[in-house]
Amino acid sequence: MASFEVKGGNRLKGDITPQGAKNEALQIISAVLLTPEEVTITNIPDILDVNLLIELLQDMGVKVQRPQRDTCIFKADDVDVDFLSSETFRKKGGKLRGSVMIAGPMLARFKKAYIPKPGGDKIGRRRLDTHIIGFEKLGAKFDYYDDQGYFKISSPRLQGTYMLLDEPSVTGTANIVMAAVLAQGITTIYNAACEPYLQQLCKMLNRMGAKISGVGSNLLTIEGVDALGGTTHRMLPDMIEVGSFIGLAAMTQSEITIKNAGVENLGIIPEKFRQLGIQMEIKGDDIYIPSQESYEIATFLDGGILTIYDNPWPGFTPDLLSIVLVVATQAKGSVLIHQKMFESRLFFVDKLIDMGAQIILCDPHRATVIGIGRQHSLRGITMSSPDIRAGQALLIAALSAEGTSVIQNIEQIDRGYQYIDQRLNALGADIKRI
C-alpha cells in the first residue's frame, strides 16, 4: 500500500490545469453502451475509478482504442451481456460505485442488467433506491440475490411514464435518463438532478439522437427513440479539483493560476471560497489566486456565525465540504460545516485535531471550525485517507503544516485525482510517493 511523504511549509507558484471531471466521466463512459456505433470521448481523467470502468467495458466486449491517455474511442457492437452475471464482474464492479451506471444503458438496449453490491468510499449510506424505483416505474422487474450480493433487473420493453424522484440524485437521474432514451413513449422526471455533469450527459445523448428537453432544469422530458448513433464528446474540467486548488492556494499562501477552469460551470463554488476570505480574480476562463498572508471568514449580516452546507445543484457540492473545512482551520473567525448528505464524511477531522486544528465535531453531520488565523502552523503527523475527498483535504493540510506528514492509503486519492503529486511538485510542493 502506497503512502505520500509530504514536507509542508512550501509556498507554491505557477499554473495548474484541472483534469476532466471524474463524476461526469462515470456517466458519459457508461452511455457508450447505448449504441453499436463509435463514440469518441476526450478530456478523460487518468484515475483509478475511471480506468476501472473502462476495463469493465472491455471485459464486456466493448472495443476501446486509447490514442492518448485523455482520449478513448468506444465501440459497443459486440457486448457480452452475460458477463455481467459472472463472479468476475461482481468482484470488479463491487470495487467501483460507478459500475451502477452501466445498469440504465444495459436495461435500455439489452433488456437486462446486473448491479453488484456498491463499493467506493466509506462515507455512510449511499442507497440505490432512486435507481431501482426509477427502473421499476419504467416497467422493469428486479430480484436481489443476497448470497451473491447483486440485483438482477429485466424488462422486455421499457415504457415511458411520469415519475417524481424522492431525491435529486445525480447518478439516479443519469441512470434513469439513460434507460428512458430507448423506452417506448414519453418519460417525465420531476425533481431531477440538474448538475452540469447531468446536463453534459443529456447534451451528448441528444447528439446521439435522443430527444431530451428541459436540460438544466429539474423537470426532464424524454421522448423515447428506437436507436442511438455515435458522437464525439469532451468532458468539463473537474469542479472539485478547481475548488481544491483554490483552497490549497489559500492554505499554503501560494500564488496559483488555475487554467481553463470551466468558470461558467462552477456555479456557487467561487463565492463560497470568497466567504472564507479568499481573494481570487477571474480572467476569462482562468482563476488567479494571489498569495495571501491571512484570510477572514465572513459572518451573516446579523453577525451570526457563517454556516456552509451542501445542497443539490445549484447549491454547494458536498464533495468540497472537506476542503472548505480544512481551509477554515487557518482562517480568522469561525464557521459551522453542515454535511447533510453523508453521515461519515466528517470523521476525518480527528486527524486535523491531531495536527493542531481547533474543531468541534458536533455530530456525524456537523463540525464547528474555530480558525486559528495562522497563530501557529498545523504540525505534520502520520494519518490515513478514509475517502477520496478527505484524502485531498488531508494532503492540503499536510502541505501547509510544519514538518513532515505521511498520508497512508493514498489509493483513495488516486481514485479521484490524476498524478496529483507530480502536478503539485511542479508548483514547488515536496511530495514523495513511498
Protein backbone atom coordinates (compact mmCIF):
# COMPACT_ATOMS: atom_id res chain seq x y z
CA MET A 1 0.00 0.00 0.00
CA ALA A 2 1.50 3.33 -1.09
CA SER A 3 1.83 6.49 1.00
CA PHE A 4 2.68 10.15 0.45
CA GLU A 5 5.53 11.68 2.43
CA VAL A 6 4.79 15.40 2.48
CA LYS A 7 7.16 18.11 3.67
CA GLY A 8 4.99 21.10 4.47
CA GLY A 9 5.60 24.82 4.59
CA ASN A 10 6.48 25.48 0.93
CA ARG A 11 4.75 28.29 -0.90
CA LEU A 12 3.67 27.15 -4.34
CA LYS A 13 3.67 29.23 -7.51
CA GLY A 14 2.61 28.72 -11.09
CA ASP A 15 -0.16 27.49 -13.38
CA ILE A 16 -2.17 24.28 -12.99
CA THR A 17 -4.89 22.84 -15.24
CA PRO A 18 -7.73 20.76 -13.74
CA GLN A 19 -8.31 17.24 -15.01
CA GLY A 20 -11.50 16.14 -16.73
CA ALA A 21 -14.44 15.70 -14.38
CA LYS A 22 -14.49 12.35 -12.57
CA ASN A 23 -18.21 12.47 -11.79
CA GLU A 24 -19.06 13.25 -15.41
CA ALA A 25 -16.75 10.53 -16.73
CA LEU A 26 -18.55 7.66 -14.97
CA GLN A 27 -21.87 8.65 -16.59
CA ILE A 28 -20.55 9.53 -20.04
CA ILE A 29 -18.44 6.39 -20.41
CA SER A 30 -21.37 4.18 -19.35
CA ALA A 31 -23.54 5.84 -22.03
CA VAL A 32 -21.39 4.37 -24.84
CA LEU A 33 -23.28 1.10 -24.23
CA LEU A 34 -26.41 2.68 -25.72
CA THR A 35 -25.15 2.46 -29.32
CA PRO A 36 -23.23 -0.01 -31.51
CA GLU A 37 -21.57 2.95 -33.25
CA GLU A 38 -18.29 4.64 -32.32
CA VAL A 39 -18.27 7.20 -29.52
CA THR A 40 -15.14 9.34 -29.03
CA ILE A 41 -14.62 10.93 -25.60
CA THR A 42 -11.85 13.42 -24.78
CA ASN A 43 -10.53 15.06 -21.60
CA ILE A 44 -10.91 11.77 -19.72
CA PRO A 45 -9.20 11.87 -16.28
CA ASP A 46 -6.49 9.22 -15.93
CA ILE A 47 -7.59 8.00 -12.49
CA LEU A 48 -8.25 4.61 -10.89
CA ASP A 49 -12.07 4.76 -10.81
CA VAL A 50 -12.38 5.79 -14.46
CA ASN A 51 -9.75 3.32 -15.66
CA LEU A 52 -11.53 0.52 -13.78
CA LEU A 53 -14.81 1.37 -15.52
CA ILE A 54 -13.09 1.36 -18.93
CA GLU A 55 -11.55 -2.00 -18.05
CA LEU A 56 -15.02 -3.32 -17.12
CA LEU A 57 -16.38 -2.25 -20.50
CA GLN A 58 -13.51 -4.05 -22.24
CA ASP A 59 -14.29 -7.20 -20.21
CA MET A 60 -17.87 -6.91 -21.52
CA GLY A 61 -16.61 -6.92 -25.11
CA VAL A 62 -16.62 -3.17 -25.81
CA LYS A 63 -13.79 -2.29 -28.21
CA VAL A 64 -11.64 0.51 -26.80
CA GLN A 65 -8.90 2.46 -28.55
CA ARG A 66 -6.89 4.91 -26.44
CA PRO A 67 -4.74 7.02 -28.79
CA GLN A 68 -3.91 9.32 -25.84
CA ARG A 69 -4.42 8.91 -22.10
CA ASP A 70 -7.21 11.51 -22.13
CA THR A 71 -8.98 10.15 -25.25
CA CYS A 72 -10.90 6.93 -25.85
CA ILE A 73 -12.81 5.65 -28.87
CA PHE A 74 -15.51 3.17 -27.79
CA LYS A 75 -17.47 0.75 -29.98
CA ALA A 76 -20.07 -1.41 -28.20
CA ASP A 77 -21.16 -3.52 -31.18
CA ASP A 78 -20.47 -6.95 -29.64
CA VAL A 79 -21.35 -6.76 -25.94
CA ASP A 80 -21.29 -9.94 -23.83
CA VAL A 81 -24.42 -9.35 -21.76
CA ASP A 82 -23.96 -12.49 -19.68
CA PHE A 83 -20.55 -11.31 -18.41
CA LEU A 84 -22.48 -9.06 -16.02
CA SER A 85 -23.82 -12.11 -14.17
CA SER A 86 -20.31 -13.51 -13.67
CA GLU A 87 -18.29 -13.64 -10.47
CA THR A 88 -15.57 -11.60 -12.20
CA PHE A 89 -17.97 -8.71 -12.82
CA ARG A 90 -19.34 -8.83 -9.28
CA LYS A 91 -15.86 -8.66 -7.78
CA LYS A 92 -14.56 -5.94 -10.09
CA GLY A 93 -17.80 -3.96 -10.20
CA GLY A 94 -18.18 -4.19 -6.44
CA LYS A 95 -14.96 -2.17 -6.03
CA LEU A 96 -16.39 0.72 -8.01
CA ARG A 97 -19.60 2.51 -7.11
CA GLY A 98 -19.69 3.95 -10.63
CA SER A 99 -20.39 0.47 -12.02
CA VAL A 100 -24.05 1.02 -11.14
CA MET A 101 -24.16 3.46 -14.08
CA ILE A 102 -23.93 0.53 -16.51
CA ALA A 103 -27.41 -0.65 -15.49
CA GLY A 104 -29.51 2.02 -17.26
CA PRO A 105 -27.87 1.61 -20.69
CA MET A 106 -27.85 -2.21 -20.44
CA LEU A 107 -31.52 -2.33 -19.45
CA ALA A 108 -32.48 0.04 -22.28
CA ARG A 109 -30.56 -1.71 -25.05
CA PHE A 110 -30.26 -5.33 -23.92
CA LYS A 111 -33.36 -5.67 -21.69
CA LYS A 112 -31.47 -6.85 -18.61
CA ALA A 113 -28.81 -5.60 -16.24
CA TYR A 114 -26.98 -6.58 -13.07
CA ILE A 115 -25.94 -4.29 -10.22
CA PRO A 116 -23.29 -5.57 -7.79
CA LYS A 117 -23.33 -4.54 -4.15
CA PRO A 118 -21.87 -1.00 -4.20
CA GLY A 119 -18.23 -0.28 -3.42
CA GLY A 120 -16.41 3.06 -3.27
CA ASP A 121 -15.95 5.46 -0.39
CA LYS A 122 -16.77 4.65 3.22
CA ILE A 123 -18.71 7.87 3.75
CA GLY A 124 -22.00 6.48 5.00
CA ARG A 125 -25.08 5.00 3.37
CA ARG A 126 -25.38 5.63 -0.35
CA ARG A 127 -28.60 3.95 -1.28
CA LEU A 128 -29.63 2.64 -4.69
CA ASP A 129 -33.36 3.16 -4.11
CA THR A 130 -33.68 6.04 -6.60
CA HIS A 131 -32.11 3.91 -9.36
CA ILE A 132 -34.19 0.78 -8.64
CA ILE A 133 -37.52 2.60 -8.14
CA GLY A 134 -36.96 4.59 -11.34
CA PHE A 135 -36.33 1.39 -13.32
CA GLU A 136 -39.45 -0.19 -11.78
CA LYS A 137 -41.58 2.77 -12.82
CA LEU A 138 -40.32 2.27 -16.37
CA GLY A 139 -41.63 -1.30 -16.17
CA ALA A 140 -38.57 -3.29 -15.08
CA LYS A 141 -38.64 -6.10 -12.54
CA PHE A 142 -35.78 -6.78 -10.15
CA ASP A 143 -34.57 -9.58 -7.90
CA TYR A 144 -31.90 -9.40 -5.22
CA TYR A 145 -29.60 -12.39 -4.73
CA ASP A 146 -28.42 -11.99 -1.15
CA ASP A 147 -25.97 -14.91 -1.22
CA GLN A 148 -24.08 -13.41 -4.16
CA GLY A 149 -24.74 -9.73 -3.39
CA TYR A 150 -26.25 -8.39 -6.62
CA PHE A 151 -29.50 -7.16 -8.20
CA LYS A 152 -30.84 -8.55 -11.48
CA ILE A 153 -33.11 -6.19 -13.43
CA SER A 154 -35.03 -7.10 -16.56
CA SER A 155 -37.79 -5.86 -18.86
CA PRO A 156 -38.97 -6.95 -22.33
CA ARG A 157 -39.55 -3.25 -23.25
CA LEU A 158 -39.36 -0.21 -21.02
CA GLN A 159 -42.41 2.06 -21.07
CA GLY A 160 -42.28 5.83 -20.64
CA THR A 161 -44.00 7.21 -17.55
CA TYR A 162 -44.17 10.14 -15.13
CA MET A 163 -42.05 9.96 -12.01
CA LEU A 164 -41.31 12.26 -9.10
CA LEU A 165 -37.92 11.37 -7.61
CA ASP A 166 -37.75 11.27 -3.81
CA GLU A 167 -34.30 12.89 -4.02
CA PRO A 168 -32.48 14.70 -6.87
CA SER A 169 -29.81 12.01 -7.07
CA VAL A 170 -27.25 12.78 -9.79
CA THR A 171 -26.37 9.16 -10.52
CA GLY A 172 -30.00 8.09 -10.08
CA THR A 173 -31.22 10.72 -12.56
CA ALA A 174 -28.47 9.83 -15.03
CA ASN A 175 -29.24 6.12 -14.86
CA ILE A 176 -32.98 6.67 -15.36
CA VAL A 177 -32.35 9.08 -18.27
CA MET A 178 -30.10 6.51 -19.99
CA ALA A 179 -32.79 3.86 -19.57
CA ALA A 180 -35.61 6.14 -20.75
CA VAL A 181 -34.00 7.34 -24.01
CA LEU A 182 -34.78 3.96 -25.64
CA ALA A 183 -38.10 3.36 -23.81
CA GLN A 184 -41.44 3.39 -25.61
CA GLY A 185 -43.32 6.66 -25.20
CA ILE A 186 -42.59 9.73 -23.09
CA THR A 187 -40.87 9.77 -19.69
CA THR A 188 -41.15 12.79 -17.42
CA ILE A 189 -38.74 13.08 -14.48
CA TYR A 190 -39.59 15.72 -11.86
CA ASN A 191 -37.13 16.65 -9.06
CA ALA A 192 -34.37 15.53 -11.44
CA ALA A 193 -30.76 16.47 -10.70
CA CYS A 194 -29.56 19.35 -12.87
CA GLU A 195 -25.78 19.39 -12.20
CA PRO A 196 -23.55 20.45 -15.13
CA TYR A 197 -22.40 16.82 -15.47
CA LEU A 198 -26.00 15.65 -15.90
CA GLN A 199 -26.51 18.44 -18.45
CA GLN A 200 -23.43 17.20 -20.29
CA LEU A 201 -24.86 13.68 -20.42
CA CYS A 202 -28.19 14.92 -21.78
CA LYS A 203 -26.49 17.05 -24.43
CA MET A 204 -24.35 14.10 -25.51
CA LEU A 205 -27.39 11.80 -25.72
CA ASN A 206 -29.27 14.38 -27.80
CA ARG A 207 -26.34 14.50 -30.23
CA MET A 208 -26.64 10.69 -30.44
CA GLY A 209 -30.30 11.06 -31.46
CA ALA A 210 -32.14 11.14 -28.13
CA LYS A 211 -35.00 13.61 -27.54
CA ILE A 212 -34.49 15.15 -24.11
CA SER A 213 -35.93 18.56 -23.21
CA GLY A 214 -35.71 20.62 -20.03
CA VAL A 215 -31.93 20.13 -19.80
CA GLY A 216 -30.57 22.28 -16.95
CA SER A 217 -33.86 22.25 -15.03
CA ASN A 218 -35.30 19.79 -12.51
CA LEU A 219 -38.04 18.71 -14.94
CA LEU A 220 -36.80 16.50 -17.77
CA THR A 221 -38.97 15.18 -20.60
CA ILE A 222 -37.62 12.27 -22.63
CA GLU A 223 -39.29 11.06 -25.80
CA GLY A 224 -38.10 7.51 -26.43
CA VAL A 225 -36.41 6.67 -29.73
CA ASP A 226 -35.65 3.33 -31.38
CA ALA A 227 -31.86 3.64 -31.62
CA LEU A 228 -28.94 5.97 -30.94
CA GLY A 229 -25.86 6.68 -33.04
CA GLY A 230 -22.25 7.65 -32.42
CA THR A 231 -20.89 11.05 -31.39
CA THR A 232 -17.89 12.95 -30.06
CA HIS A 233 -17.89 14.42 -26.55
CA ARG A 234 -15.46 16.49 -24.46
CA MET A 235 -15.70 16.42 -20.68
CA LEU A 236 -15.80 19.52 -18.50
CA PRO A 237 -12.94 20.43 -16.16
CA ASP A 238 -13.38 18.86 -12.72
CA MET A 239 -15.05 21.46 -10.48
CA ILE A 240 -13.89 19.57 -7.37
CA GLU A 241 -10.27 19.93 -8.44
CA VAL A 242 -10.83 23.62 -9.13
CA GLY A 243 -12.20 24.13 -5.61
CA SER A 244 -9.36 22.06 -4.15
CA PHE A 245 -6.74 24.24 -5.86
CA ILE A 246 -8.41 27.43 -4.60
CA GLY A 247 -8.27 26.06 -1.06
CA LEU A 248 -4.71 24.83 -1.50
CA ALA A 249 -3.52 28.27 -2.60
CA ALA A 250 -5.05 29.94 0.46
CA MET A 251 -3.75 27.37 2.96
CA THR A 252 -0.18 27.45 1.65
CA GLN A 253 -0.10 31.24 0.98
CA SER A 254 0.60 30.45 -2.66
CA GLU A 255 0.13 32.35 -5.91
CA ILE A 256 -1.60 29.99 -8.32
CA THR A 257 -3.43 30.39 -11.61
CA ILE A 258 -5.97 27.68 -12.43
CA LYS A 259 -6.03 27.46 -16.22
CA ASN A 260 -9.12 26.50 -18.24
CA ALA A 261 -11.20 26.19 -15.07
CA GLY A 262 -14.62 25.96 -16.78
CA VAL A 263 -15.72 29.07 -14.88
CA GLU A 264 -19.24 29.20 -16.35
CA ASN A 265 -19.97 25.75 -14.88
CA LEU A 266 -18.65 26.37 -11.36
CA GLY A 267 -21.90 27.81 -10.01
CA ILE A 268 -21.62 29.00 -6.41
CA ILE A 269 -18.19 27.44 -5.74
CA PRO A 270 -16.07 30.63 -6.13
CA GLU A 271 -18.48 32.57 -3.91
CA LYS A 272 -18.25 30.01 -1.09
CA PHE A 273 -14.46 30.32 -1.03
CA ARG A 274 -14.79 34.12 -1.08
CA GLN A 275 -16.94 33.78 2.06
CA LEU A 276 -13.87 32.27 3.71
CA GLY A 277 -11.97 35.46 2.84
CA ILE A 278 -10.05 34.02 -0.12
CA GLN A 279 -9.25 36.54 -2.84
CA MET A 280 -9.41 35.50 -6.48
CA GLU A 281 -9.65 37.11 -9.86
CA ILE A 282 -11.41 35.51 -12.80
CA LYS A 283 -9.58 36.20 -16.07
CA GLY A 284 -11.54 34.73 -18.94
CA ASP A 285 -11.68 31.02 -18.16
CA ASP A 286 -8.75 31.19 -15.71
CA ILE A 287 -8.83 31.83 -11.95
CA TYR A 288 -5.91 33.73 -10.40
CA ILE A 289 -5.43 33.34 -6.63
CA PRO A 290 -2.84 35.74 -5.17
CA SER A 291 -0.66 34.88 -2.18
CA GLN A 292 -2.48 35.95 0.99
CA GLU A 293 -0.89 36.34 4.42
CA SER A 294 -4.30 35.89 6.05
CA TYR A 295 -7.97 35.46 5.22
CA GLU A 296 -11.03 36.10 7.37
CA ILE A 297 -14.33 34.19 7.38
CA ALA A 298 -17.39 36.35 6.73
CA THR A 299 -20.34 36.43 9.12
CA PHE A 300 -24.03 36.66 8.37
CA LEU A 301 -25.45 40.19 8.16
CA ASP A 302 -26.74 39.97 11.75
CA GLY A 303 -23.26 38.96 12.96
CA GLY A 304 -24.10 35.27 13.27
CA ILE A 305 -21.51 32.58 12.60
CA LEU A 306 -21.35 31.56 8.95
CA THR A 307 -22.78 28.14 8.07
CA ILE A 308 -21.67 26.35 4.91
CA TYR A 309 -23.72 23.33 3.91
CA ASP A 310 -24.27 21.11 0.89
CA ASN A 311 -27.33 21.21 -1.30
CA PRO A 312 -28.36 19.77 -4.67
CA TRP A 313 -27.19 21.87 -7.62
CA PRO A 314 -27.17 24.83 -7.94
CA GLY A 315 -26.36 24.61 -4.23
CA PHE A 316 -22.88 23.83 -2.92
CA THR A 317 -21.49 20.39 -3.77
CA PRO A 318 -20.87 18.00 -0.83
CA ASP A 319 -17.59 16.94 -2.45
CA LEU A 320 -15.97 20.26 -1.48
CA LEU A 321 -17.06 20.47 2.16
CA SER A 322 -13.96 18.54 3.30
CA ILE A 323 -11.78 21.11 1.50
CA VAL A 324 -13.69 24.07 2.96
CA LEU A 325 -13.34 22.60 6.45
CA VAL A 326 -9.56 22.25 6.15
CA VAL A 327 -9.13 25.74 4.68
CA ALA A 328 -11.17 27.24 7.55
CA THR A 329 -8.72 25.88 10.15
CA GLN A 330 -6.14 28.59 9.27
CA ALA A 331 -8.63 31.41 8.71
CA LYS A 332 -9.61 34.15 11.13
CA GLY A 333 -13.09 33.52 12.51
CA SER A 334 -15.38 30.53 12.87
CA VAL A 335 -17.67 28.54 10.60
CA LEU A 336 -20.16 25.71 11.01
CA ILE A 337 -19.78 22.99 8.37
CA HIS A 338 -23.00 21.03 7.85
CA GLN A 339 -22.62 17.88 5.75
CA LYS A 340 -26.24 16.87 5.13
CA MET A 341 -25.88 14.04 2.64
CA PHE A 342 -23.29 11.63 4.10
CA GLU A 343 -23.07 10.85 7.79
CA SER A 344 -19.47 9.62 7.90
CA ARG A 345 -17.72 12.21 5.78
CA LEU A 346 -16.62 14.43 8.67
CA PHE A 347 -14.96 11.70 10.70
CA PHE A 348 -11.55 12.60 9.28
CA VAL A 349 -11.46 15.73 11.48
CA ASP A 350 -9.77 13.75 14.28
CA LYS A 351 -6.63 13.79 12.13
CA LEU A 352 -6.84 17.58 11.74
CA ILE A 353 -7.28 17.94 15.51
CA ASP A 354 -4.12 15.86 15.97
CA MET A 355 -2.38 18.34 13.65
CA GLY A 356 -3.39 21.23 15.90
CA ALA A 357 -6.66 22.42 14.34
CA GLN A 358 -9.45 23.62 16.61
CA ILE A 359 -12.57 21.73 15.55
CA ILE A 360 -15.63 20.58 17.48
CA LEU A 361 -17.36 17.59 15.89
CA CYS A 362 -20.94 18.28 16.96
CA ASP A 363 -22.40 15.09 15.46
CA PRO A 364 -21.83 12.94 12.33
CA HIS A 365 -23.13 15.75 10.12
CA ARG A 366 -21.82 18.98 11.69
CA ALA A 367 -18.46 20.38 12.71
CA THR A 368 -17.58 23.81 14.07
CA VAL A 369 -14.19 25.11 12.96
CA ILE A 370 -12.53 27.79 15.07
CA GLY A 371 -9.97 29.36 12.76
CA ILE A 372 -6.56 29.84 14.38
CA GLY A 373 -5.64 32.65 11.96
CA ARG A 374 -2.10 31.34 11.40
CA GLN A 375 -1.22 31.94 15.08
CA HIS A 376 0.58 28.63 14.75
CA SER A 377 1.04 26.16 11.90
CA LEU A 378 -0.53 22.76 11.76
CA ARG A 379 2.02 20.06 12.60
CA GLY A 380 2.94 17.07 10.45
CA ILE A 381 1.63 13.65 11.56
CA THR A 382 1.07 10.16 10.14
CA MET A 383 -2.52 9.61 9.01
CA SER A 384 -4.66 7.53 6.66
CA SER A 385 -7.01 8.70 3.91
CA PRO A 386 -10.59 7.42 4.53
CA ASP A 387 -12.12 8.57 1.21
CA ILE A 388 -11.26 10.48 -1.97
CA ARG A 389 -12.27 13.96 -0.85
CA ALA A 390 -10.97 13.68 2.72
CA GLY A 391 -7.71 12.39 1.26
CA GLN A 392 -7.26 15.52 -0.84
CA ALA A 393 -8.19 17.69 2.15
CA LEU A 394 -5.55 15.96 4.30
CA LEU A 395 -2.98 16.45 1.53
CA ILE A 396 -3.73 20.20 1.57
CA ALA A 397 -3.40 20.23 5.36
CA ALA A 398 -0.04 18.41 5.13
CA LEU A 399 1.28 20.86 2.52
CA SER A 400 0.53 23.77 4.86
CA ALA A 401 1.84 22.03 8.00
CA GLU A 402 5.16 22.41 9.76
CA GLY A 403 7.35 19.33 9.41
CA THR A 404 6.74 16.05 7.60
CA SER A 405 3.43 14.22 7.25
CA VAL A 406 2.81 10.70 5.98
CA ILE A 407 -0.56 10.01 4.35
CA GLN A 408 -1.32 6.31 4.04
CA ASN A 409 -3.92 4.60 1.84
CA ILE A 410 -3.35 7.08 -0.98
CA GLU A 411 -5.13 4.73 -3.39
CA GLN A 412 -8.19 6.67 -2.22
CA ILE A 413 -6.66 9.91 -3.51
CA ASP A 414 -5.53 8.24 -6.75
CA ARG A 415 -9.14 7.17 -7.36
CA GLY A 416 -10.12 10.80 -7.89
CA TYR A 417 -7.03 12.91 -8.67
CA GLN A 418 -4.64 12.15 -11.53
CA TYR A 419 -0.87 12.44 -10.95
CA ILE A 420 -1.62 14.84 -8.09
CA ASP A 421 1.85 14.51 -6.56
CA GLN A 422 3.61 15.25 -9.86
CA ARG A 423 1.36 18.19 -10.69
CA LEU A 424 1.76 19.84 -7.28
CA ASN A 425 5.50 19.16 -7.18
CA ALA A 426 5.74 21.12 -10.44
CA LEU A 427 4.43 24.13 -8.47
CA GLY A 428 7.03 23.72 -5.72
CA ALA A 429 5.44 21.16 -3.37
CA ASP A 430 7.54 18.40 -1.77
CA ILE A 431 5.54 15.18 -2.08
CA LYS A 432 7.17 11.75 -2.33
CA ARG A 433 5.28 8.58 -3.21
CA ILE A 434 6.67 5.85 -0.95
